[in-house]
Amino acid sequence: MDEAERLMFAGLARLPQFRRKVEQAQAIIKEALEVCPAYVACSWGKDSLVVADLVATISPDALVCHVTGPKAELLNNYGEVSAAFCRRHPSVAYRVLGGDGRPSWEVFSAHAHELPSMAILGLRAEEAAYRRISLRKYGLIYRYKSGSWRACPLAWWGWKDVWAYLVAHGLTYLASYDHPAEECRALSRTSSITTRRGEQFGRIERMKRVSPEYYDWWKNV
């Protein structure tokens, strides 16, 4: 990120509208924590990093769970980002769940019996139509028929709001967001391509450009 871009996001973070969004997100998190015990489902992408920081600021001993997969460090610098987060929030309970290439939702489902009932997520309506529909239909805190819960404090944030928070708080983020082959900070950079939707979103092409070592490993699996 160059200095001009950083200054733009820093300026956005000083606006009253942005401060209100942060306050609203904090209120949603506090409400979720009052409902039942919770954990942050964290991919270490930009959105879940912001959610994890917000939750850890409110609840310093929060549980943050990350699903990893084979050769994950070839895909992105997850270790560096998670280590920086844990230094910033030393009381956080950080847990890594081995995915063995499975989609993260399958891994979290497999561990549901040992995790708190509430998952706090970085889902945003802006990312996809199906997410926007779901958030409008079910709200920001929702209980599934299974009895588990989800909370989405960033539901109505824009991608520029996310970067304003990251810059204002000096958070270490995934290196691929600054890769010269990428041209838009709004996109996800965390997929390990374990589902057909990953192909449909063009993540394979981005992987070839941004994480060629991971792509070389993945195509031969």
Protein backbone atom coordinates (compact mmCIF):
# COMPACT_ATOMS: atom_id res chain seq x y z
CA MET A 1 0.00 0.00 0.00
CA ASP A 2 1.51 3.32 -1.02
CA GLU A 3 1.39 6.43 1.14
CA ALA A 4 -1.35 8.16 -0.85
CA GLU A 5 -3.65 5.17 -0.45
CA ARG A 6 -2.84 4.86 3.23
CA LEU A 7 -3.63 8.53 3.81
CA MET A 8 -6.96 8.11 2.00
CA PHE A 9 -8.03 5.26 4.29
CA ALA A 10 -6.72 7.07 7.36
CA GLY A 11 -8.84 10.07 6.39
CA LEU A 12 -11.92 7.87 6.01
CA ALA A 13 -11.33 6.46 9.48
CA ARG A 14 -11.64 9.96 10.95
CA LEU A 15 -15.11 10.57 9.51
CA PRO A 16 -18.13 10.49 11.87
CA GLN A 17 -19.89 8.02 9.55
CA PHE A 18 -17.06 5.53 9.97
CA ARG A 19 -16.95 5.94 13.74
CA ARG A 20 -20.69 5.19 13.85
CA LYS A 21 -20.14 1.98 11.88
CA VAL A 22 -17.48 0.89 14.37
CA GLU A 23 -19.77 1.68 17.29
CA GLN A 24 -22.61 -0.27 15.67
CA ALA A 25 -20.31 -3.27 15.09
CA GLN A 26 -19.18 -3.13 18.71
CA ALA A 27 -22.81 -3.06 19.87
CA ILE A 28 -23.62 -6.15 17.76
CA ILE A 29 -20.63 -8.01 19.20
CA LYS A 30 -21.61 -7.12 22.78
CA GLU A 31 -25.16 -8.28 22.14
CA ALA A 32 -23.91 -11.56 20.65
CA LEU A 33 -21.64 -12.19 23.63
CA GLU A 34 -24.61 -11.71 25.94
CA VAL A 35 -26.63 -14.35 24.07
CA CYS A 36 -24.19 -17.21 24.60
CA PRO A 37 -20.45 -18.06 24.53
CA ALA A 38 -18.89 -17.24 21.18
CA TYR A 39 -15.82 -17.67 19.00
CA VAL A 40 -14.48 -15.84 15.95
CA ALA A 41 -14.33 -17.92 12.77
CA CYS A 42 -11.25 -16.35 11.22
CA SER A 43 -9.73 -16.87 7.77
CA TRP A 44 -7.21 -14.02 8.36
CA GLY A 45 -8.65 -12.25 5.35
CA LYS A 46 -9.30 -8.53 5.74
CA ASP A 47 -12.87 -8.88 7.01
CA SER A 48 -12.32 -11.58 9.61
CA LEU A 49 -9.15 -9.83 10.79
CA VAL A 50 -11.19 -6.70 11.55
CA VAL A 51 -13.89 -8.76 13.31
CA ALA A 52 -11.28 -10.61 15.37
CA ASP A 53 -9.69 -7.33 16.44
CA LEU A 54 -13.05 -5.81 17.39
CA VAL A 55 -14.02 -8.89 19.41
CA ALA A 56 -10.64 -9.15 21.15
CA THR A 57 -10.81 -5.48 22.11
CA ILE A 58 -14.17 -6.08 23.79
CA SER A 59 -13.38 -9.56 25.15
CA PRO A 60 -9.60 -9.94 25.62
CA ASP A 61 -9.77 -13.70 26.24
CA ALA A 62 -11.91 -14.39 23.18
CA LEU A 63 -11.53 -17.65 21.25
CA VAL A 64 -10.31 -17.14 17.68
CA CYS A 65 -10.33 -20.20 15.39
CA HIS A 66 -8.62 -20.51 12.02
CA VAL A 67 -8.97 -23.38 9.56
CA THR A 68 -5.73 -24.17 7.81
CA GLY A 69 -5.01 -26.48 4.92
CA PRO A 70 -2.12 -28.26 3.23
CA LYS A 71 0.76 -25.97 2.24
CA ALA A 72 -1.18 -22.93 3.46
CA GLU A 73 1.95 -20.83 3.85
CA LEU A 74 2.57 -21.16 0.10
CA LEU A 75 -0.80 -19.49 -0.45
CA ASN A 76 -0.33 -16.59 1.96
CA ASN A 77 1.60 -15.41 5.03
CA TYR A 78 -0.99 -16.65 7.52
CA GLY A 79 1.64 -17.36 10.17
CA GLU A 80 2.94 -13.80 10.15
CA VAL A 81 -0.55 -12.28 10.33
CA SER A 82 -1.76 -14.58 13.12
CA ALA A 83 1.45 -14.05 15.11
CA ALA A 84 1.10 -10.26 14.85
CA PHE A 85 -2.51 -10.51 15.99
CA CYS A 86 -1.58 -12.67 18.99
CA ARG A 87 1.14 -10.18 20.00
CA ARG A 88 -1.45 -7.41 19.85
CA HIS A 89 -3.96 -9.47 21.86
CA PRO A 90 -1.85 -11.76 24.09
CA SER A 91 -4.81 -12.99 26.15
CA VAL A 92 -6.72 -14.31 23.15
CA ALA A 93 -7.21 -18.07 22.92
CA TYR A 94 -6.01 -18.84 19.40
CA ARG A 95 -6.80 -22.23 17.94
CA VAL A 96 -5.85 -23.67 14.54
CA LEU A 97 -8.09 -26.38 13.09
CA GLY A 98 -6.52 -28.64 10.48
CA GLY A 99 -8.64 -28.74 7.35
CA ASP A 100 -6.81 -31.24 5.16
CA GLY A 101 -8.15 -29.38 2.13
CA ARG A 102 -11.81 -29.45 3.20
CA PRO A 103 -13.94 -26.28 3.00
CA SER A 104 -13.76 -24.32 6.24
CA TRP A 105 -17.50 -24.71 6.94
CA GLU A 106 -17.09 -28.49 6.95
CA VAL A 107 -14.23 -28.25 9.42
CA PHE A 108 -16.15 -25.93 11.75
CA SER A 109 -19.16 -28.27 11.54
CA ALA A 110 -16.98 -31.22 12.48
CA HIS A 111 -15.76 -29.35 15.57
CA ALA A 112 -19.17 -27.91 16.49
CA HIS A 113 -19.48 -30.15 19.57
CA GLU A 114 -16.36 -28.61 21.11
CA LEU A 115 -16.81 -24.97 20.06
CA PRO A 116 -19.11 -22.32 21.57
CA SER A 117 -22.59 -22.05 20.08
CA MET A 118 -22.08 -18.57 18.60
CA ALA A 119 -19.80 -18.01 15.59
CA ILE A 120 -18.88 -14.37 14.96
CA LEU A 121 -18.16 -13.93 11.26
CA GLY A 122 -16.80 -11.32 8.88
CA LEU A 123 -19.59 -11.75 6.32
CA ARG A 124 -20.51 -8.58 4.45
CA ALA A 125 -23.55 -8.00 2.25
CA GLU A 126 -21.41 -6.23 -0.35
CA GLU A 127 -19.48 -9.39 -1.17
CA ALA A 128 -22.22 -11.39 -2.90
CA ALA A 129 -25.94 -11.35 -3.63
CA TYR A 130 -26.61 -14.56 -1.68
CA ARG A 131 -24.97 -13.04 1.41
CA ARG A 132 -26.98 -9.84 1.05
CA ILE A 133 -30.21 -11.86 0.79
CA SER A 134 -29.30 -13.99 3.80
CA LEU A 135 -28.38 -11.03 5.98
CA ARG A 136 -31.58 -9.19 5.10
CA LYS A 137 -33.72 -12.26 5.70
CA TYR A 138 -32.18 -13.50 8.95
CA GLY A 139 -30.63 -10.39 10.48
CA LEU A 140 -27.21 -9.78 12.02
CA ILE A 141 -27.64 -12.23 14.91
CA TYR A 142 -29.41 -15.42 13.94
CA ARG A 143 -30.10 -18.82 15.47
CA TYR A 144 -30.13 -21.82 13.13
CA LYS A 145 -32.57 -24.72 13.50
CA SER A 146 -29.66 -26.79 14.81
CA GLY A 147 -29.41 -24.45 17.80
CA SER A 148 -26.14 -22.80 16.78
CA TRP A 149 -25.86 -19.04 16.24
CA ARG A 150 -24.07 -16.62 13.97
CA ALA A 151 -23.34 -12.91 14.34
CA CYS A 152 -22.21 -10.65 11.48
CA PRO A 153 -21.11 -7.27 12.87
CA LEU A 154 -19.64 -6.05 9.55
CA ALA A 155 -22.73 -6.94 7.51
CA TRP A 156 -23.28 -3.44 6.09
CA TRP A 157 -19.66 -2.27 5.95
CA GLY A 158 -18.10 -1.45 2.58
CA TRP A 159 -14.64 -2.68 1.63
CA LYS A 160 -13.24 0.82 2.11
CA ASP A 161 -14.51 0.79 5.70
CA VAL A 162 -12.60 -2.43 6.29
CA TRP A 163 -9.37 -0.91 5.00
CA ALA A 164 -9.96 2.26 6.99
CA TYR A 165 -10.07 0.15 10.14
CA LEU A 166 -6.97 -1.85 9.20
CA VAL A 167 -4.95 1.28 8.49
CA ALA A 168 -6.22 3.25 11.49
CA HIS A 169 -5.27 0.40 13.84
CA GLY A 170 -2.03 -0.56 12.13
CA LEU A 171 -3.00 -4.20 11.70
CA THR A 172 -0.73 -6.62 9.85
CA TYR A 173 -2.69 -8.08 6.92
CA LEU A 174 -2.09 -10.75 4.29
CA ALA A 175 0.73 -9.87 1.89
CA SER A 176 -1.28 -10.82 -1.20
CA TYR A 177 -3.45 -7.71 -0.78
CA ASP A 178 -0.40 -5.67 -1.82
CA HIS A 179 0.66 -7.99 -4.64
CA PRO A 180 1.36 -6.05 -7.87
CA ALA A 181 -0.73 -8.51 -9.90
CA GLU A 182 -3.85 -7.53 -7.96
CA GLU A 183 -5.81 -4.43 -8.78
CA CYS A 184 -8.72 -4.25 -6.32
CA ARG A 185 -8.65 -4.38 -2.52
CA ALA A 186 -12.31 -5.37 -2.42
CA LEU A 187 -11.61 -8.99 -3.40
CA SER A 188 -11.03 -11.99 -1.17
CA ARG A 189 -7.46 -13.33 -1.05
CA THR A 190 -7.87 -16.33 1.22
CA SER A 191 -9.43 -19.15 -0.79
CA SER A 192 -7.54 -22.43 -1.03
CA ILE A 193 -9.88 -23.52 -3.87
CA THR A 194 -11.65 -26.40 -2.15
CA THR A 195 -15.09 -25.79 -3.68
CA ARG A 196 -16.57 -25.23 -7.15
CA ARG A 197 -17.61 -21.73 -6.07
CA GLY A 198 -13.91 -20.96 -5.73
CA GLU A 199 -13.51 -21.72 -9.42
CA GLN A 200 -16.56 -19.67 -10.35
CA PHE A 201 -15.22 -16.62 -8.51
CA GLY A 202 -12.04 -16.74 -10.60
CA ARG A 203 -9.82 -17.57 -7.65
CA ILE A 204 -7.77 -20.09 -9.60
CA GLU A 205 -6.65 -17.40 -12.03
CA ARG A 206 -5.79 -15.10 -9.13
CA MET A 207 -3.91 -17.94 -7.44
CA LYS A 208 -1.80 -18.46 -10.56
CA ARG A 209 -0.81 -14.79 -10.50
CA VAL A 210 -0.40 -14.19 -6.79
CA SER A 211 0.59 -17.57 -5.30
CA PRO A 212 2.29 -19.50 -8.13
CA GLU A 213 4.06 -21.92 -5.75
CA TYR A 214 0.75 -22.88 -4.15
CA TYR A 215 -0.85 -23.22 -7.60
CA ASP A 216 1.93 -25.55 -8.77
CA TRP A 217 1.40 -27.73 -5.69
CA TRP A 218 -2.42 -27.64 -5.93
CA LYS A 219 -2.71 -28.58 -9.64
CA ASN A 220 -0.67 -31.75 -9.03
CA VAL A 221 -2.58 -32.96 -5.96
